[in-house]
Amino acid sequence: MRITRRLAWALPGVMAAGLVAVVQAPGAAGARPADRWGVIGRNSSGSPVAELRMGPYGRTFLEYPALQPPPYGQGSLGLTVDGGEKVAYGNETDFAGTRLRRIRSVKYWIFTGVDYGIGTVLPSFSMEVDPGLPGLSYTTLVYLPDKSVSPSRPPTQLRHAWQKYDATAPGNRWGSSRPLPGVTGCTLASPCSFKDIKEKMPDAVVSLSVAIQKGTDDAFRGAVDGLQINDVLFDFERSGVRKRVR
């Protein structure tokens, strides 16, 4: 198990399931963390690290100092995932039972923190759902930032910089982890728009979780911040996940 040394004493934040480490410092005074976020062990494999951390600061130009702060607050969810590993960091409570048709907007920010990051498969947003279709009681719907186009994703992917991804803006691409009965396409290999996938599952409900996930493709070093679902923003901070209503 890999645990960042400077926070290794925060063992209450380490999940026992699998070999996934979550490193979280104690809550700061005055902070109001949303305590229902963490690694989903059943959807994670290998020994990735999901760490609530300070920073990182990005560079939007070629200046030496990193001056671009995280989108919200001072911290983020740091992700270190090797090829073949998977991590899902999510909430298994707050959205359970929500009708899929009521999910109007999903946005989040990604920081790609390695020199070879261009072309790296990026962290996605996922929802485990009951599709409400005959013969299928479970699938995972995944926003695919790499298969989406602008304005859903930035027109140019940058390294060492924070960039916003809008999973419900025009150009978005989503896929179901399992084929939907009677539906052509809308799979991970042949994705469709979020609007289309909702129309094909009019009775679907979020069942087990919403999550930021990465894997099991290539390696990723970076961070995620500012996950917004409808009017609720989740700000990942070193002291915890803060919930804001916008």
C-alpha atoms as a PDB file:
ATOM      1  CA  MET A   1       0.000   0.000   0.000  1.00  0.00           C
ATOM      2  CA  ARG A   2       1.403   3.380  -0.984  1.00  0.00           C
ATOM      3  CA  ILE A   3       0.683   6.227   1.439  1.00  0.00           C
ATOM      4  CA  THR A   4       2.151   9.678   1.020  1.00  0.00           C
ATOM      5  CA  ARG A   5       4.725   9.966   3.818  1.00  0.00           C
ATOM      6  CA  ARG A   6       3.904  13.473   4.901  1.00  0.00           C
ATOM      7  CA  LEU A   7       0.327  12.383   5.652  1.00  0.00           C
ATOM      8  CA  ALA A   8       0.951   8.772   6.550  1.00  0.00           C
ATOM      9  CA  TRP A   9      -0.171   9.344  10.137  1.00  0.00           C
ATOM     10  CA  ALA A  10      -3.750   9.958   8.981  1.00  0.00           C
ATOM     11  CA  LEU A  11      -4.537   6.236   9.061  1.00  0.00           C
ATOM     12  CA  PRO A  12      -8.268   6.664   9.848  1.00  0.00           C
ATOM     13  CA  GLY A  13      -8.618   7.839   6.236  1.00  0.00           C
ATOM     14  CA  VAL A  14      -7.141   4.630   4.774  1.00  0.00           C
ATOM     15  CA  MET A  15      -9.601   2.141   3.303  1.00  0.00           C
ATOM     16  CA  ALA A  16      -8.922  -1.490   4.110  1.00  0.00           C
ATOM     17  CA  ALA A  17     -10.613  -2.788   0.969  1.00  0.00           C
ATOM     18  CA  GLY A  18      -8.069  -3.870  -1.624  1.00  0.00           C
ATOM     19  CA  LEU A  19      -4.824  -1.944  -1.749  1.00  0.00           C
ATOM     20  CA  VAL A  20      -6.277   1.519  -2.235  1.00  0.00           C
ATOM     21  CA  ALA A  21      -5.044   4.325   0.009  1.00  0.00           C
ATOM     22  CA  VAL A  22      -7.027   7.449   0.816  1.00  0.00           C
ATOM     23  CA  VAL A  23      -4.998  10.022   2.681  1.00  0.00           C
ATOM     24  CA  GLN A  24      -6.952  12.738   4.471  1.00  0.00           C
ATOM     25  CA  ALA A  25      -5.878  15.227   7.084  1.00  0.00           C
ATOM     26  CA  PRO A  26      -8.100  16.134  10.051  1.00  0.00           C
ATOM     27  CA  GLY A  27     -10.770  18.749   9.404  1.00  0.00           C
ATOM     28  CA  ALA A  28      -9.737  22.371   9.764  1.00  0.00           C
ATOM     29  CA  ALA A  29     -11.524  24.670  12.189  1.00  0.00           C
ATOM     30  CA  GLY A  30     -14.670  26.112  10.658  1.00  0.00           C
ATOM     31  CA  ALA A  31     -14.722  23.647   7.765  1.00  0.00           C
ATOM     32  CA  ARG A  32     -17.947  21.839   6.973  1.00  0.00           C
ATOM     33  CA  PRO A  33     -16.894  18.691   5.122  1.00  0.00           C
ATOM     34  CA  ALA A  34     -19.318  16.414   3.321  1.00  0.00           C
ATOM     35  CA  ASP A  35     -18.321  13.148   5.011  1.00  0.00           C
ATOM     36  CA  ARG A  36     -19.873  10.713   2.535  1.00  0.00           C
ATOM     37  CA  TRP A  37     -17.044  10.723  -0.002  1.00  0.00           C
ATOM     38  CA  GLY A  38     -14.230   8.210  -0.237  1.00  0.00           C
ATOM     39  CA  VAL A  39     -12.693   5.393  -2.245  1.00  0.00           C
ATOM     40  CA  ILE A  40     -15.254   2.823  -3.392  1.00  0.00           C
ATOM     41  CA  GLY A  41     -13.269  -0.335  -2.746  1.00  0.00           C
ATOM     42  CA  ARG A  42     -15.487  -2.652  -4.791  1.00  0.00           C
ATOM     43  CA  ASN A  43     -14.861  -0.489  -7.871  1.00  0.00           C
ATOM     44  CA  SER A  44     -11.107  -0.057  -7.349  1.00  0.00           C
ATOM     45  CA  SER A  45      -8.173  -2.360  -8.002  1.00  0.00           C
ATOM     46  CA  GLY A  46      -4.395  -2.437  -7.768  1.00  0.00           C
ATOM     47  CA  SER A  47      -2.711   0.096  -5.501  1.00  0.00           C
ATOM     48  CA  PRO A  48      -3.704   3.561  -6.725  1.00  0.00           C
ATOM     49  CA  VAL A  49      -3.660   6.602  -4.441  1.00  0.00           C
ATOM     50  CA  ALA A  50      -6.527   9.067  -3.987  1.00  0.00           C
ATOM     51  CA  GLU A  51      -5.309  11.878  -1.739  1.00  0.00           C
ATOM     52  CA  LEU A  52      -7.084  14.991  -0.511  1.00  0.00           C
ATOM     53  CA  ARG A  53      -4.188  17.435  -0.816  1.00  0.00           C
ATOM     54  CA  MET A  54      -3.155  21.082  -1.048  1.00  0.00           C
ATOM     55  CA  GLY A  55      -2.762  22.449  -4.573  1.00  0.00           C
ATOM     56  CA  PRO A  56      -1.537  21.716  -7.129  1.00  0.00           C
ATOM     57  CA  TYR A  57      -0.917  25.103  -8.699  1.00  0.00           C
ATOM     58  CA  GLY A  58      -0.867  25.208 -12.486  1.00  0.00           C
ATOM     59  CA  ARG A  59       0.847  27.149 -15.240  1.00  0.00           C
ATOM     60  CA  THR A  60      -1.285  28.740 -17.936  1.00  0.00           C
ATOM     61  CA  PHE A  61       1.701  30.397 -19.619  1.00  0.00           C
ATOM     62  CA  LEU A  62       5.423  29.648 -19.811  1.00  0.00           C
ATOM     63  CA  GLU A  63       6.277  31.466 -16.584  1.00  0.00           C
ATOM     64  CA  TYR A  64       8.523  29.721 -14.051  1.00  0.00           C
ATOM     65  CA  PRO A  65       6.303  29.976 -10.954  1.00  0.00           C
ATOM     66  CA  ALA A  66       3.061  27.979 -10.838  1.00  0.00           C
ATOM     67  CA  LEU A  67       0.437  30.663 -10.199  1.00  0.00           C
ATOM     68  CA  GLN A  68      -2.915  29.128 -11.232  1.00  0.00           C
ATOM     69  CA  PRO A  69      -4.675  28.002  -8.017  1.00  0.00           C
ATOM     70  CA  PRO A  70      -7.117  25.100  -7.794  1.00  0.00           C
ATOM     71  CA  PRO A  71     -10.559  26.151  -9.053  1.00  0.00           C
ATOM     72  CA  TYR A  72     -12.079  26.202  -5.556  1.00  0.00           C
ATOM     73  CA  GLY A  73     -10.386  26.699  -2.210  1.00  0.00           C
ATOM     74  CA  GLN A  74      -6.761  25.665  -1.845  1.00  0.00           C
ATOM     75  CA  GLY A  75      -6.863  21.912  -2.410  1.00  0.00           C
ATOM     76  CA  SER A  76      -8.026  19.090  -4.641  1.00  0.00           C
ATOM     77  CA  LEU A  77      -8.325  15.324  -5.015  1.00  0.00           C
ATOM     78  CA  GLY A  78      -4.891  14.087  -6.080  1.00  0.00           C
ATOM     79  CA  LEU A  79      -4.824  10.887  -8.165  1.00  0.00           C
ATOM     80  CA  THR A  80      -1.857   8.594  -8.777  1.00  0.00           C
ATOM     81  CA  VAL A  81      -2.913   5.610 -10.890  1.00  0.00           C
ATOM     82  CA  ASP A  82      -0.621   3.210 -12.726  1.00  0.00           C
ATOM     83  CA  GLY A  83      -1.548   1.430 -15.920  1.00  0.00           C
ATOM     84  CA  GLY A  84      -3.916  -1.463 -15.278  1.00  0.00           C
ATOM     85  CA  GLU A  85      -5.074  -0.036 -11.942  1.00  0.00           C
ATOM     86  CA  LYS A  86      -8.415   1.589 -11.201  1.00  0.00           C
ATOM     87  CA  VAL A  87      -9.693   3.961  -8.557  1.00  0.00           C
ATOM     88  CA  ALA A  88     -13.232   5.203  -7.941  1.00  0.00           C
ATOM     89  CA  TYR A  89     -13.649   8.034  -5.436  1.00  0.00           C
ATOM     90  CA  GLY A  90     -17.300   8.669  -4.836  1.00  0.00           C
ATOM     91  CA  ASN A  91     -20.458   9.158  -2.840  1.00  0.00           C
ATOM     92  CA  GLU A  92     -22.702   6.146  -2.229  1.00  0.00           C
ATOM     93  CA  THR A  93     -25.443   7.948  -0.298  1.00  0.00           C
ATOM     94  CA  ASP A  94     -26.510  11.425  -1.357  1.00  0.00           C
ATOM     95  CA  PHE A  95     -27.706  10.668  -4.885  1.00  0.00           C
ATOM     96  CA  ALA A  96     -29.117   7.164  -4.370  1.00  0.00           C
ATOM     97  CA  GLY A  97     -32.647   6.974  -5.776  1.00  0.00           C
ATOM     98  CA  THR A  98     -32.322  10.162  -7.844  1.00  0.00           C
ATOM     99  CA  ARG A  99     -34.082   9.921 -11.196  1.00  0.00           C
ATOM    100  CA  LEU A 100     -31.541  10.074 -13.998  1.00  0.00           C
ATOM    101  CA  ARG A 101     -33.727  12.572 -15.835  1.00  0.00           C
ATOM    102  CA  ARG A 102     -33.230  14.971 -12.904  1.00  0.00           C
ATOM    103  CA  ILE A 103     -29.475  15.115 -13.481  1.00  0.00           C
ATOM    104  CA  ARG A 104     -29.262  18.273 -15.572  1.00  0.00           C
ATOM    105  CA  SER A 105     -25.637  19.324 -15.249  1.00  0.00           C
ATOM    106  CA  VAL A 106     -22.292  17.693 -14.410  1.00  0.00           C
ATOM    107  CA  LYS A 107     -19.009  19.640 -14.448  1.00  0.00           C
ATOM    108  CA  TYR A 108     -15.538  19.170 -12.985  1.00  0.00           C
ATOM    109  CA  TRP A 109     -11.920  20.320 -13.379  1.00  0.00           C
ATOM    110  CA  ILE A 110      -8.878  18.197 -14.233  1.00  0.00           C
ATOM    111  CA  PHE A 111      -5.177  18.884 -13.682  1.00  0.00           C
ATOM    112  CA  THR A 112      -2.833  16.701 -15.776  1.00  0.00           C
ATOM    113  CA  GLY A 113       0.441  16.725 -13.878  1.00  0.00           C
ATOM    114  CA  VAL A 114       2.997  14.969 -16.060  1.00  0.00           C
ATOM    115  CA  ASP A 115       5.041  16.052 -19.071  1.00  0.00           C
ATOM    116  CA  TYR A 116       3.707  13.193 -21.182  1.00  0.00           C
ATOM    117  CA  GLY A 117       0.088  13.898 -20.217  1.00  0.00           C
ATOM    118  CA  ILE A 118      -1.202  14.846 -23.668  1.00  0.00           C
ATOM    119  CA  GLY A 119      -3.075  11.812 -24.936  1.00  0.00           C
ATOM    120  CA  THR A 120      -3.340  10.237 -21.477  1.00  0.00           C
ATOM    121  CA  VAL A 121      -6.847   8.915 -20.787  1.00  0.00           C
ATOM    122  CA  LEU A 122      -8.355  11.363 -18.303  1.00  0.00           C
ATOM    123  CA  PRO A 123     -10.387  10.769 -15.132  1.00  0.00           C
ATOM    124  CA  SER A 124     -14.069  10.280 -15.885  1.00  0.00           C
ATOM    125  CA  PHE A 125     -17.327  10.849 -14.034  1.00  0.00           C
ATOM    126  CA  SER A 126     -19.499   7.794 -13.444  1.00  0.00           C
ATOM    127  CA  MET A 127     -22.944   6.932 -12.092  1.00  0.00           C
ATOM    128  CA  GLU A 128     -24.051   3.453 -11.127  1.00  0.00           C
ATOM    129  CA  VAL A 129     -27.714   3.185 -12.151  1.00  0.00           C
ATOM    130  CA  ASP A 130     -30.710   0.895 -12.360  1.00  0.00           C
ATOM    131  CA  PRO A 131     -31.644   1.414 -16.039  1.00  0.00           C
ATOM    132  CA  GLY A 132     -35.302   0.509 -15.524  1.00  0.00           C
ATOM    133  CA  LEU A 133     -35.161  -1.684 -18.633  1.00  0.00           C
ATOM    134  CA  PRO A 134     -36.393  -5.275 -18.980  1.00  0.00           C
ATOM    135  CA  GLY A 135     -33.645  -7.772 -18.287  1.00  0.00           C
ATOM    136  CA  LEU A 136     -31.132  -5.256 -16.922  1.00  0.00           C
ATOM    137  CA  SER A 137     -31.067  -3.990 -13.348  1.00  0.00           C
ATOM    138  CA  TYR A 138     -27.560  -2.485 -13.252  1.00  0.00           C
ATOM    139  CA  THR A 139     -25.044  -0.621 -15.368  1.00  0.00           C
ATOM    140  CA  THR A 140     -22.501   2.175 -14.954  1.00  0.00           C
ATOM    141  CA  LEU A 141     -22.873   5.312 -17.044  1.00  0.00           C
ATOM    142  CA  VAL A 142     -19.528   6.975 -17.755  1.00  0.00           C
ATOM    143  CA  TYR A 143     -18.727  10.418 -19.134  1.00  0.00           C
ATOM    144  CA  LEU A 144     -15.808  10.013 -21.534  1.00  0.00           C
ATOM    145  CA  PRO A 145     -13.800  13.267 -21.626  1.00  0.00           C
ATOM    146  CA  ASP A 146     -11.330  11.888 -24.180  1.00  0.00           C
ATOM    147  CA  LYS A 147     -14.096  11.034 -26.670  1.00  0.00           C
ATOM    148  CA  SER A 148     -15.972  14.284 -26.097  1.00  0.00           C
ATOM    149  CA  VAL A 149     -15.374  17.454 -28.113  1.00  0.00           C
ATOM    150  CA  SER A 150     -15.534  21.183 -27.385  1.00  0.00           C
ATOM    151  CA  PRO A 151     -17.375  22.816 -25.662  1.00  0.00           C
ATOM    152  CA  SER A 152     -17.818  19.733 -23.453  1.00  0.00           C
ATOM    153  CA  ARG A 153     -14.032  19.570 -23.166  1.00  0.00           C
ATOM    154  CA  PRO A 154     -11.361  22.239 -23.724  1.00  0.00           C
ATOM    155  CA  PRO A 155     -10.428  22.639 -27.396  1.00  0.00           C
ATOM    156  CA  THR A 156      -6.763  22.104 -26.458  1.00  0.00           C
ATOM    157  CA  GLN A 157      -5.591  19.854 -23.650  1.00  0.00           C
ATOM    158  CA  LEU A 158      -2.878  21.424 -21.504  1.00  0.00           C
ATOM    159  CA  ARG A 159      -0.380  19.887 -19.126  1.00  0.00           C
ATOM    160  CA  HIS A 160       0.296  21.333 -15.672  1.00  0.00           C
ATOM    161  CA  ALA A 161      -2.881  23.456 -15.808  1.00  0.00           C
ATOM    162  CA  TRP A 162      -6.432  23.303 -14.476  1.00  0.00           C
ATOM    163  CA  GLN A 163      -9.066  22.843 -17.213  1.00  0.00           C
ATOM    164  CA  LYS A 164     -12.854  22.577 -16.971  1.00  0.00           C
ATOM    165  CA  TYR A 165     -14.877  19.673 -18.408  1.00  0.00           C
ATOM    166  CA  ASP A 166     -18.652  19.986 -18.830  1.00  0.00           C
ATOM    167  CA  ALA A 167     -20.154  16.505 -19.092  1.00  0.00           C
ATOM    168  CA  THR A 168     -23.560  17.805 -20.183  1.00  0.00           C
ATOM    169  CA  ALA A 169     -22.548  20.563 -22.621  1.00  0.00           C
ATOM    170  CA  PRO A 170     -22.802  20.021 -26.399  1.00  0.00           C
ATOM    171  CA  GLY A 171     -20.136  17.638 -27.639  1.00  0.00           C
ATOM    172  CA  ASN A 172     -20.354  15.350 -24.605  1.00  0.00           C
ATOM    173  CA  ARG A 173     -20.009  11.583 -24.993  1.00  0.00           C
ATOM    174  CA  TRP A 174     -21.287   8.972 -22.534  1.00  0.00           C
ATOM    175  CA  GLY A 175     -21.270   5.194 -22.539  1.00  0.00           C
ATOM    176  CA  SER A 176     -22.926   2.387 -20.618  1.00  0.00           C
ATOM    177  CA  SER A 177     -20.690  -0.334 -19.207  1.00  0.00           C
ATOM    178  CA  ARG A 178     -23.301  -2.902 -20.251  1.00  0.00           C
ATOM    179  CA  PRO A 179     -25.321  -3.047 -23.489  1.00  0.00           C
ATOM    180  CA  LEU A 180     -28.809  -1.616 -23.021  1.00  0.00           C
ATOM    181  CA  PRO A 181     -31.575  -4.005 -24.137  1.00  0.00           C
ATOM    182  CA  GLY A 182     -33.169  -2.831 -27.365  1.00  0.00           C
ATOM    183  CA  VAL A 183     -30.712   0.061 -27.720  1.00  0.00           C
ATOM    184  CA  THR A 184     -28.097   0.407 -30.437  1.00  0.00           C
ATOM    185  CA  GLY A 185     -24.943   2.197 -29.327  1.00  0.00           C
ATOM    186  CA  CYS A 186     -24.518   4.242 -26.135  1.00  0.00           C
ATOM    187  CA  THR A 187     -21.782   1.823 -25.020  1.00  0.00           C
ATOM    188  CA  LEU A 188     -18.233   2.634 -23.936  1.00  0.00           C
ATOM    189  CA  ALA A 189     -17.046   1.626 -27.418  1.00  0.00           C
ATOM    190  CA  SER A 190     -19.831   3.497 -29.216  1.00  0.00           C
ATOM    191  CA  PRO A 191     -20.834   6.397 -26.940  1.00  0.00           C
ATOM    192  CA  CYS A 192     -23.719   8.821 -27.360  1.00  0.00           C
ATOM    193  CA  SER A 193     -24.793  12.131 -25.821  1.00  0.00           C
ATOM    194  CA  PHE A 194     -26.098  12.425 -22.269  1.00  0.00           C
ATOM    195  CA  LYS A 195     -29.426  13.591 -23.683  1.00  0.00           C
ATOM    196  CA  ASP A 196     -29.681  10.459 -25.822  1.00  0.00           C
ATOM    197  CA  ILE A 197     -28.749   8.102 -23.019  1.00  0.00           C
ATOM    198  CA  LYS A 198     -31.394   9.641 -20.733  1.00  0.00           C
ATOM    199  CA  GLU A 199     -34.053   9.348 -23.443  1.00  0.00           C
ATOM    200  CA  LYS A 200     -33.238   5.657 -23.897  1.00  0.00           C
ATOM    201  CA  MET A 201     -33.635   5.036 -20.142  1.00  0.00           C
ATOM    202  CA  PRO A 202     -36.606   7.209 -19.100  1.00  0.00           C
ATOM    203  CA  ASP A 203     -37.154   5.313 -15.846  1.00  0.00           C
ATOM    204  CA  ALA A 204     -33.502   4.991 -14.774  1.00  0.00           C
ATOM    205  CA  VAL A 205     -32.430   5.925 -11.251  1.00  0.00           C
ATOM    206  CA  VAL A 206     -29.011   6.418  -9.699  1.00  0.00           C
ATOM    207  CA  SER A 207     -28.514   3.327  -7.559  1.00  0.00           C
ATOM    208  CA  LEU A 208     -25.177   2.746  -5.837  1.00  0.00           C
ATOM    209  CA  SER A 209     -22.877   5.724  -6.423  1.00  0.00           C
ATOM    210  CA  VAL A 210     -21.655   8.770  -8.263  1.00  0.00           C
ATOM    211  CA  ALA A 211     -17.871   8.965  -8.583  1.00  0.00           C
ATOM    212  CA  ILE A 212     -14.714  10.314 -10.135  1.00  0.00           C
ATOM    213  CA  GLN A 213     -12.895   7.302 -11.560  1.00  0.00           C
ATOM    214  CA  LYS A 214      -9.685   6.474 -13.418  1.00  0.00           C
ATOM    215  CA  GLY A 215      -8.519   3.214 -14.985  1.00  0.00           C
ATOM    216  CA  THR A 216      -7.911   0.504 -16.032  1.00  0.00           C
ATOM    217  CA  ASP A 217      -6.145   1.910 -19.069  1.00  0.00           C
ATOM    218  CA  ASP A 218      -2.964   3.981 -18.930  1.00  0.00           C
ATOM    219  CA  ALA A 219      -1.262   5.728 -16.038  1.00  0.00           C
ATOM    220  CA  PHE A 220      -2.377   9.107 -14.715  1.00  0.00           C
ATOM    221  CA  ARG A 221      -0.745  11.627 -12.380  1.00  0.00           C
ATOM    222  CA  GLY A 222      -2.833  14.670 -11.580  1.00  0.00           C
ATOM    223  CA  ALA A 223      -5.871  15.941  -9.707  1.00  0.00           C
ATOM    224  CA  VAL A 224      -9.587  16.726  -9.876  1.00  0.00           C
ATOM    225  CA  ASP A 225     -11.545  19.524  -8.225  1.00  0.00           C
ATOM    226  CA  GLY A 226     -14.889  21.304  -8.249  1.00  0.00           C
ATOM    227  CA  LEU A 227     -17.285  18.485  -9.116  1.00  0.00           C
ATOM    228  CA  GLN A 228     -20.687  20.077  -9.659  1.00  0.00           C
ATOM    229  CA  ILE A 229     -23.868  18.005 -10.015  1.00  0.00           C
ATOM    230  CA  ASN A 230     -26.864  20.221 -10.790  1.00  0.00           C
ATOM    231  CA  ASP A 231     -26.643  23.069  -8.250  1.00  0.00           C
ATOM    232  CA  VAL A 232     -24.438  21.241  -5.732  1.00  0.00           C
ATOM    233  CA  LEU A 233     -20.677  21.768  -5.856  1.00  0.00           C
ATOM    234  CA  PHE A 234     -18.236  19.429  -4.123  1.00  0.00           C
ATOM    235  CA  ASP A 235     -14.968  21.191  -3.329  1.00  0.00           C
ATOM    236  CA  PHE A 236     -12.129  18.743  -2.622  1.00  0.00           C
ATOM    237  CA  GLU A 237      -9.910  20.158   0.119  1.00  0.00           C
ATOM    238  CA  ARG A 238      -7.126  18.688   2.254  1.00  0.00           C
ATOM    239  CA  SER A 239      -9.431  19.047   5.270  1.00  0.00           C
ATOM    240  CA  GLY A 240     -12.282  17.166   3.573  1.00  0.00           C
ATOM    241  CA  VAL A 241     -14.894  17.419   0.841  1.00  0.00           C
ATOM    242  CA  ARG A 242     -16.890  20.616   1.215  1.00  0.00           C
ATOM    243  CA  LYS A 243     -20.429  20.829  -0.119  1.00  0.00           C
ATOM    244  CA  ARG A 244     -21.677  24.099  -1.544  1.00  0.00           C
ATOM    245  CA  VAL A 245     -25.063  24.955  -3.039  1.00  0.00           C
ATOM    246  CA  ARG A 246     -24.726  27.347  -5.946  1.00  0.00           C
END
